[in-house]
N, C-alpha and C. Protein backbone atom coordinates (compact mmCIF):
# COMPACT_ATOMS: atom_id res chain seq x y z
N MET A 1 118.64 108.56 108.06
CA MET A 1 117.97 107.45 108.11
C MET A 1 116.47 107.53 108.11
N GLN A 2 115.84 106.67 107.37
CA GLN A 2 114.25 106.82 107.10
C GLN A 2 113.62 106.31 108.39
N GLN A 3 112.67 107.15 108.96
CA GLN A 3 111.84 106.80 110.01
C GLN A 3 110.83 105.90 109.66
N GLN A 4 110.44 104.71 110.30
CA GLN A 4 109.51 103.80 110.03
C GLN A 4 108.36 103.82 110.99
N ILE A 5 107.13 103.50 110.49
CA ILE A 5 105.95 103.53 111.28
C ILE A 5 105.39 102.04 111.23
N THR A 6 104.78 101.62 112.40
CA THR A 6 104.20 100.29 112.19
C THR A 6 102.68 100.34 112.68
N VAL A 7 101.88 99.67 112.02
CA VAL A 7 100.51 99.58 112.46
C VAL A 7 100.16 98.16 112.45
N GLN A 8 99.07 97.72 113.11
CA GLN A 8 98.73 96.38 113.41
C GLN A 8 97.49 95.98 113.65
N THR A 9 96.88 94.96 113.38
CA THR A 9 95.47 94.38 113.77
C THR A 9 95.41 93.08 113.74
N THR A 10 94.42 92.50 114.45
CA THR A 10 94.30 91.02 114.46
C THR A 10 92.84 90.72 113.87
N VAL A 11 92.65 89.87 112.90
CA VAL A 11 91.50 89.61 112.15
C VAL A 11 91.09 88.33 112.51
N ASP A 12 89.74 88.21 112.95
CA ASP A 12 89.18 86.96 113.28
C ASP A 12 88.41 86.31 112.04
N ALA A 13 89.31 85.85 111.12
CA ALA A 13 88.89 85.19 109.82
C ALA A 13 89.96 84.12 109.47
N PRO A 14 89.68 83.13 108.47
CA PRO A 14 90.77 82.13 108.06
C PRO A 14 91.72 82.96 107.06
N MET A 15 92.94 82.52 107.27
CA MET A 15 93.93 83.03 106.48
C MET A 15 93.79 83.26 105.03
N GLN A 16 93.10 82.38 104.43
CA GLN A 16 92.81 82.37 102.97
C GLN A 16 91.90 83.57 102.80
N GLN A 17 91.05 83.89 103.52
CA GLN A 17 89.92 84.97 103.39
C GLN A 17 90.75 86.28 103.49
N VAL A 18 91.56 86.34 104.64
CA VAL A 18 92.36 87.53 104.91
C VAL A 18 93.25 87.80 103.72
N TRP A 19 94.00 86.77 103.22
CA TRP A 19 94.88 86.96 101.98
C TRP A 19 94.03 87.55 100.77
N ASP A 20 92.98 86.79 100.49
CA ASP A 20 92.02 87.28 99.36
C ASP A 20 91.62 88.65 99.41
N TYR A 21 91.07 89.08 100.59
CA TYR A 21 90.48 90.33 100.81
C TYR A 21 91.60 91.45 100.65
N TRP A 22 92.77 91.07 101.28
CA TRP A 22 93.76 92.07 101.11
C TRP A 22 94.44 92.22 99.73
N SER A 23 94.19 91.26 98.73
CA SER A 23 94.90 91.24 97.57
C SER A 23 94.01 91.36 96.25
N LEU A 24 92.60 91.09 96.48
CA LEU A 24 91.89 91.01 95.25
C LEU A 24 91.13 92.56 95.02
N PRO A 25 91.19 93.17 93.89
CA PRO A 25 90.82 94.61 93.77
C PRO A 25 89.30 94.83 94.08
N GLU A 26 88.53 93.84 94.00
CA GLU A 26 87.11 94.01 94.27
C GLU A 26 86.81 94.25 95.65
N HIS A 27 87.73 93.61 96.61
CA HIS A 27 87.65 93.76 98.07
C HIS A 27 88.35 94.96 98.34
N ILE A 28 89.42 95.19 97.78
CA ILE A 28 90.30 96.37 98.20
C ILE A 28 89.49 97.61 97.98
N MET A 29 88.82 97.81 96.86
CA MET A 29 87.87 99.04 96.86
C MET A 29 86.84 99.29 98.01
N GLN A 30 86.64 98.14 98.74
CA GLN A 30 85.62 98.14 99.77
C GLN A 30 86.13 98.72 101.09
N TRP A 31 87.39 98.52 101.36
CA TRP A 31 88.00 98.82 102.69
C TRP A 31 89.09 99.93 102.56
N ASN A 32 89.68 100.20 101.38
CA ASN A 32 90.87 101.00 101.37
C ASN A 32 90.47 102.43 101.48
N HIS A 33 90.21 103.00 102.62
CA HIS A 33 90.12 104.39 102.79
C HIS A 33 90.27 104.65 104.34
N ALA A 34 90.86 105.90 104.61
CA ALA A 34 90.98 106.17 106.09
C ALA A 34 89.89 106.80 106.62
N LEU A 35 89.08 107.60 105.92
CA LEU A 35 87.90 108.29 106.43
C LEU A 35 86.67 108.03 105.73
N ASP A 36 85.44 107.97 106.39
CA ASP A 36 84.28 107.69 105.79
C ASP A 36 83.89 108.53 104.62
N SER A 37 84.48 109.78 104.60
CA SER A 37 84.15 110.63 103.45
C SER A 37 85.04 110.55 102.19
N TRP A 38 85.87 109.51 102.20
CA TRP A 38 86.84 108.98 101.12
C TRP A 38 86.38 107.62 100.68
N HIS A 39 86.78 107.33 99.48
CA HIS A 39 86.64 105.92 98.96
C HIS A 39 87.61 105.58 98.00
N CYS A 40 87.63 104.40 97.52
CA CYS A 40 88.66 103.87 96.67
C CYS A 40 87.89 103.30 95.52
N PRO A 41 87.60 104.16 94.51
CA PRO A 41 86.76 103.78 93.24
C PRO A 41 87.56 103.03 92.30
N PHE A 42 88.78 102.73 92.39
CA PHE A 42 89.47 101.89 91.28
C PHE A 42 90.70 101.26 92.08
N ALA A 43 90.84 100.10 91.84
CA ALA A 43 91.98 99.21 92.19
C ALA A 43 92.56 98.24 91.24
N GLU A 44 93.77 98.23 91.11
CA GLU A 44 94.39 97.24 90.23
C GLU A 44 95.71 96.62 90.83
N ASN A 45 95.84 95.31 90.96
CA ASN A 45 96.85 94.72 91.68
C ASN A 45 97.36 93.41 90.99
N ASP A 46 98.57 93.52 90.65
CA ASP A 46 99.31 92.30 90.02
C ASP A 46 100.32 91.88 91.09
N LEU A 47 99.86 91.02 91.97
CA LEU A 47 100.53 90.57 93.19
C LEU A 47 101.55 89.49 92.89
N ARG A 48 102.76 89.84 92.44
CA ARG A 48 103.89 89.04 92.15
C ARG A 48 105.07 90.02 92.05
N VAL A 49 106.40 89.48 92.43
CA VAL A 49 107.49 90.13 92.47
C VAL A 49 107.63 90.86 91.09
N GLY A 50 107.86 92.21 91.06
CA GLY A 50 107.87 93.00 89.92
C GLY A 50 106.70 93.48 89.47
N GLY A 51 105.53 92.90 90.09
CA GLY A 51 104.22 93.46 89.57
C GLY A 51 103.79 94.78 90.30
N LYS A 52 102.94 95.45 89.65
CA LYS A 52 102.54 96.77 90.24
C LYS A 52 101.01 96.71 90.74
N PHE A 53 100.87 97.74 91.66
CA PHE A 53 99.43 97.99 92.11
C PHE A 53 99.23 99.46 92.01
N ARG A 54 97.90 99.83 91.94
CA ARG A 54 97.57 101.18 91.96
C ARG A 54 96.21 101.23 92.33
N TYR A 55 95.96 102.05 93.39
CA TYR A 55 94.62 102.16 94.07
C TYR A 55 94.24 103.73 93.95
N ARG A 56 93.15 104.21 93.58
CA ARG A 56 92.65 105.46 93.56
C ARG A 56 92.00 105.82 94.86
N MET A 57 92.50 106.76 95.51
CA MET A 57 91.99 107.27 96.81
C MET A 57 91.40 108.50 96.45
N GLU A 58 90.17 108.84 96.76
CA GLU A 58 89.55 110.19 96.54
C GLU A 58 88.45 110.46 97.49
N ALA A 59 88.16 111.70 97.64
CA ALA A 59 87.11 112.11 98.64
C ALA A 59 85.72 111.88 97.72
N LYS A 60 84.75 111.41 98.46
CA LYS A 60 83.50 111.02 97.75
C LYS A 60 82.92 112.29 97.12
N ASP A 61 83.20 113.58 97.49
CA ASP A 61 82.61 114.65 96.87
C ASP A 61 83.58 115.20 95.80
N GLY A 62 84.56 114.44 95.36
CA GLY A 62 85.35 114.70 94.29
C GLY A 62 86.35 116.00 94.41
N THR A 63 86.46 116.59 95.44
CA THR A 63 87.34 117.62 95.74
C THR A 63 88.73 117.33 95.61
N MET A 64 89.14 116.13 96.01
CA MET A 64 90.65 115.73 96.02
C MET A 64 90.83 114.31 95.80
N GLY A 65 92.02 114.00 95.52
CA GLY A 65 92.33 112.41 95.29
C GLY A 65 93.68 112.24 94.95
N PHE A 66 94.13 111.02 94.96
CA PHE A 66 95.41 110.69 94.72
C PHE A 66 95.55 109.14 94.30
N ASP A 67 96.62 108.74 93.54
CA ASP A 67 96.79 107.37 93.28
C ASP A 67 97.87 106.90 94.21
N PHE A 68 97.63 105.75 94.93
CA PHE A 68 98.66 105.09 95.80
C PHE A 68 99.07 103.89 94.96
N GLU A 69 100.35 103.82 94.78
CA GLU A 69 100.87 102.86 93.94
C GLU A 69 102.41 102.49 94.35
N GLY A 70 102.69 101.29 93.77
CA GLY A 70 104.18 100.63 94.04
C GLY A 70 104.24 99.54 93.18
N VAL A 71 105.49 98.77 93.52
CA VAL A 71 106.09 97.72 92.86
C VAL A 71 106.37 96.66 93.82
N TYR A 72 105.95 95.51 93.67
CA TYR A 72 106.22 94.51 94.67
C TYR A 72 107.75 93.94 94.60
N ASP A 73 108.32 94.00 95.68
CA ASP A 73 109.63 93.41 95.95
C ASP A 73 109.57 92.02 96.25
N GLU A 74 108.70 91.66 97.19
CA GLU A 74 108.68 90.33 97.76
C GLU A 74 107.22 89.82 97.82
N VAL A 75 106.83 88.67 97.55
CA VAL A 75 105.56 88.08 97.94
C VAL A 75 105.68 86.65 98.27
N ILE A 76 105.46 86.43 99.49
CA ILE A 76 105.38 85.05 99.94
C ILE A 76 103.85 84.65 100.40
N PRO A 77 103.26 84.06 99.64
CA PRO A 77 101.78 83.87 99.96
C PRO A 77 101.37 83.41 101.38
N PHE A 78 100.46 84.26 101.93
CA PHE A 78 99.98 84.00 103.45
C PHE A 78 100.99 84.23 104.37
N THR A 79 102.06 85.08 104.02
CA THR A 79 103.19 85.37 104.92
C THR A 79 103.62 86.72 104.80
N LYS A 80 103.89 87.24 103.73
CA LYS A 80 104.73 88.45 103.66
C LYS A 80 104.53 89.23 102.25
N ILE A 81 104.19 90.53 102.19
CA ILE A 81 104.13 91.38 100.90
C ILE A 81 105.06 92.53 101.23
N SER A 82 106.19 92.82 100.36
CA SER A 82 106.82 94.14 100.43
C SER A 82 106.61 94.88 99.12
N TYR A 83 106.92 96.16 99.21
CA TYR A 83 106.59 96.75 98.04
C TYR A 83 107.44 98.15 98.08
N THR A 84 107.79 98.74 96.96
CA THR A 84 108.53 100.17 96.98
C THR A 84 107.49 101.05 96.19
N MET A 85 107.28 102.26 96.83
CA MET A 85 106.44 103.26 96.26
C MET A 85 107.26 104.14 95.38
N PRO A 86 106.66 104.78 94.52
CA PRO A 86 107.44 105.67 93.31
C PRO A 86 108.52 106.68 94.05
N ASP A 87 108.27 107.06 95.21
CA ASP A 87 109.19 108.03 95.90
C ASP A 87 110.46 107.29 96.53
N GLY A 88 110.47 105.87 96.48
CA GLY A 88 111.36 105.17 96.99
C GLY A 88 111.11 104.66 98.56
N ARG A 89 110.06 105.00 99.02
CA ARG A 89 109.88 104.49 100.29
C ARG A 89 109.37 103.06 100.15
N ARG A 90 109.48 102.27 101.18
CA ARG A 90 109.12 100.84 101.19
C ARG A 90 108.12 100.60 102.31
N ALA A 91 107.38 99.42 102.09
CA ALA A 91 106.53 98.94 102.93
C ALA A 91 106.44 97.52 102.99
N ILE A 92 106.27 96.95 104.29
CA ILE A 92 106.17 95.43 104.41
C ILE A 92 105.06 95.07 105.27
N THR A 93 104.28 94.17 104.69
CA THR A 93 103.04 93.63 105.50
C THR A 93 103.28 92.15 105.73
N THR A 94 103.08 91.84 107.08
CA THR A 94 103.17 90.27 107.35
C THR A 94 101.87 89.83 107.87
N PHE A 95 101.61 88.61 107.52
CA PHE A 95 100.34 87.81 108.14
C PHE A 95 100.84 86.80 108.94
N GLU A 96 100.46 86.64 110.06
CA GLU A 96 100.70 85.82 111.12
C GLU A 96 99.46 85.06 111.67
N ASP A 97 99.32 83.69 111.62
CA ASP A 97 98.20 82.98 112.21
C ASP A 97 98.55 82.76 113.68
N LEU A 98 97.72 83.40 114.45
CA LEU A 98 97.73 83.24 116.03
C LEU A 98 96.54 82.38 116.35
N ASN A 99 96.63 81.03 116.35
CA ASN A 99 95.45 80.23 116.88
C ASN A 99 94.13 80.57 116.13
N GLY A 100 94.28 80.73 114.74
CA GLY A 100 92.98 80.99 113.95
C GLY A 100 92.72 82.39 113.75
N GLN A 101 93.32 83.32 114.44
CA GLN A 101 93.22 84.70 114.13
C GLN A 101 94.48 85.18 113.44
N ILE A 102 94.29 86.02 112.51
CA ILE A 102 95.41 86.50 111.61
C ILE A 102 95.95 88.02 111.99
N GLN A 103 97.10 87.94 112.51
CA GLN A 103 97.69 89.30 113.00
C GLN A 103 98.39 89.85 111.59
N VAL A 104 97.85 91.01 111.18
CA VAL A 104 98.36 91.82 110.06
C VAL A 104 99.29 93.03 110.51
N THR A 105 100.55 92.90 110.17
CA THR A 105 101.40 94.06 110.62
C THR A 105 101.87 94.76 109.35
N THR A 106 101.83 96.00 109.34
CA THR A 106 102.45 96.85 108.12
C THR A 106 103.43 97.73 108.79
N THR A 107 104.68 97.81 108.27
CA THR A 107 105.62 98.78 108.64
C THR A 107 105.98 99.33 107.42
N PHE A 108 106.01 100.73 107.32
CA PHE A 108 106.37 101.65 106.24
C PHE A 108 107.27 102.72 106.53
N ASP A 109 108.02 103.20 105.60
CA ASP A 109 108.85 104.39 105.63
C ASP A 109 107.98 105.54 105.59
N ALA A 110 108.07 106.48 106.66
CA ALA A 110 107.45 107.72 106.69
C ALA A 110 107.71 108.54 105.53
N GLU A 111 106.80 109.38 105.03
CA GLU A 111 106.97 110.49 104.21
C GLU A 111 107.36 111.61 104.99
N GLN A 112 107.77 112.78 104.23
CA GLN A 112 108.35 113.97 104.89
C GLN A 112 107.36 115.04 104.95
N VAL A 113 106.09 115.05 104.31
CA VAL A 113 105.25 116.01 104.35
C VAL A 113 104.37 116.05 105.52
N ASN A 114 103.70 114.95 105.89
CA ASN A 114 102.70 114.97 106.98
C ASN A 114 103.25 114.54 108.29
N PRO A 115 102.81 114.96 109.44
CA PRO A 115 103.25 114.57 110.71
C PRO A 115 103.29 113.02 110.93
N LEU A 116 104.18 112.49 111.66
CA LEU A 116 104.15 110.99 111.88
C LEU A 116 102.86 110.53 112.42
N GLN A 117 102.36 111.15 113.39
CA GLN A 117 101.23 110.64 114.12
C GLN A 117 100.05 110.58 113.07
N MET A 118 99.95 111.70 112.22
CA MET A 118 98.87 111.63 111.21
C MET A 118 99.00 110.46 110.17
N GLN A 119 100.39 110.17 109.78
CA GLN A 119 100.43 109.11 109.05
C GLN A 119 100.13 107.76 109.59
N LYS A 120 100.52 107.57 110.82
CA LYS A 120 100.15 106.39 111.58
C LYS A 120 98.69 106.38 111.76
N ALA A 121 98.14 107.36 112.15
CA ALA A 121 96.48 107.35 112.20
C ALA A 121 95.81 107.02 111.12
N GLY A 122 96.25 107.38 109.85
CA GLY A 122 95.73 107.13 108.55
C GLY A 122 95.80 105.62 108.15
N TRP A 123 97.14 105.30 108.22
CA TRP A 123 97.25 103.77 107.84
C TRP A 123 96.70 102.91 108.88
N GLN A 124 96.55 103.34 110.11
CA GLN A 124 95.91 102.41 111.14
C GLN A 124 94.39 102.38 110.81
N ALA A 125 93.74 103.49 110.45
CA ALA A 125 92.35 103.61 110.09
C ALA A 125 92.10 102.67 108.79
N ILE A 126 92.87 102.60 107.95
CA ILE A 126 92.79 101.64 106.76
C ILE A 126 92.80 100.29 107.22
N LEU A 127 93.62 99.76 108.12
CA LEU A 127 93.92 98.72 108.38
C LEU A 127 92.79 98.18 109.30
N ASP A 128 92.02 99.18 110.13
CA ASP A 128 90.93 98.78 110.91
C ASP A 128 89.77 98.59 110.04
N ASN A 129 89.66 99.38 108.92
CA ASN A 129 88.60 99.22 107.97
C ASN A 129 88.71 97.91 107.31
N PHE A 130 89.89 97.39 107.04
CA PHE A 130 90.10 96.12 106.53
C PHE A 130 89.74 95.02 107.53
N LYS A 131 90.11 95.17 108.65
CA LYS A 131 89.67 94.25 109.79
C LYS A 131 88.05 94.08 109.78
N ASN A 132 87.39 95.17 109.97
CA ASN A 132 86.00 95.34 109.96
C ASN A 132 85.37 94.62 108.71
N TYR A 133 85.85 94.95 107.48
CA TYR A 133 85.28 94.53 106.29
C TYR A 133 85.40 92.87 106.22
N VAL A 134 86.58 92.44 106.57
CA VAL A 134 86.82 90.90 106.51
C VAL A 134 85.92 90.13 107.49
N GLU A 135 85.87 90.78 108.72
CA GLU A 135 85.02 90.06 109.94
C GLU A 135 83.58 90.15 109.48
N MET A 136 83.09 91.25 108.74
CA MET A 136 81.76 91.39 108.57
C MET A 136 81.34 90.24 107.45
N HIS A 137 82.25 89.73 106.65
CA HIS A 137 82.07 88.73 105.54
C HIS A 137 82.56 87.48 105.99
N ALA A 138 83.16 87.20 107.26
CA ALA A 138 83.65 85.89 107.56
C ALA A 138 82.52 84.85 107.80
């Protein structure tokens, strides 16, 4: 059975802004990195069932990088996005309005290469960057 990891944050911004900043490439490139020494110089996102996304994640010094990509399985605007990665792992992100603050929760299938805690810390750091970026522009 596939082990799952959940990360979560609460963003103090309107749902429309949270949704847009999560899904528009020009915003994704601003927040989608786990470490300050990394960045996301390219993002494409076709947010619809069967649509694909691809985000380039790389070290700012150019020493390493990878493409993070997937195909959308379910898209319910302002509520839920699920996708499958090329290796078959799945992820689900939900957006819940809690009295004007938006709780963003992502649950994903762990991969078999890196320790679980490292994976959780990386995905949580990206989510924290998202929160900070949105709130800075709210």
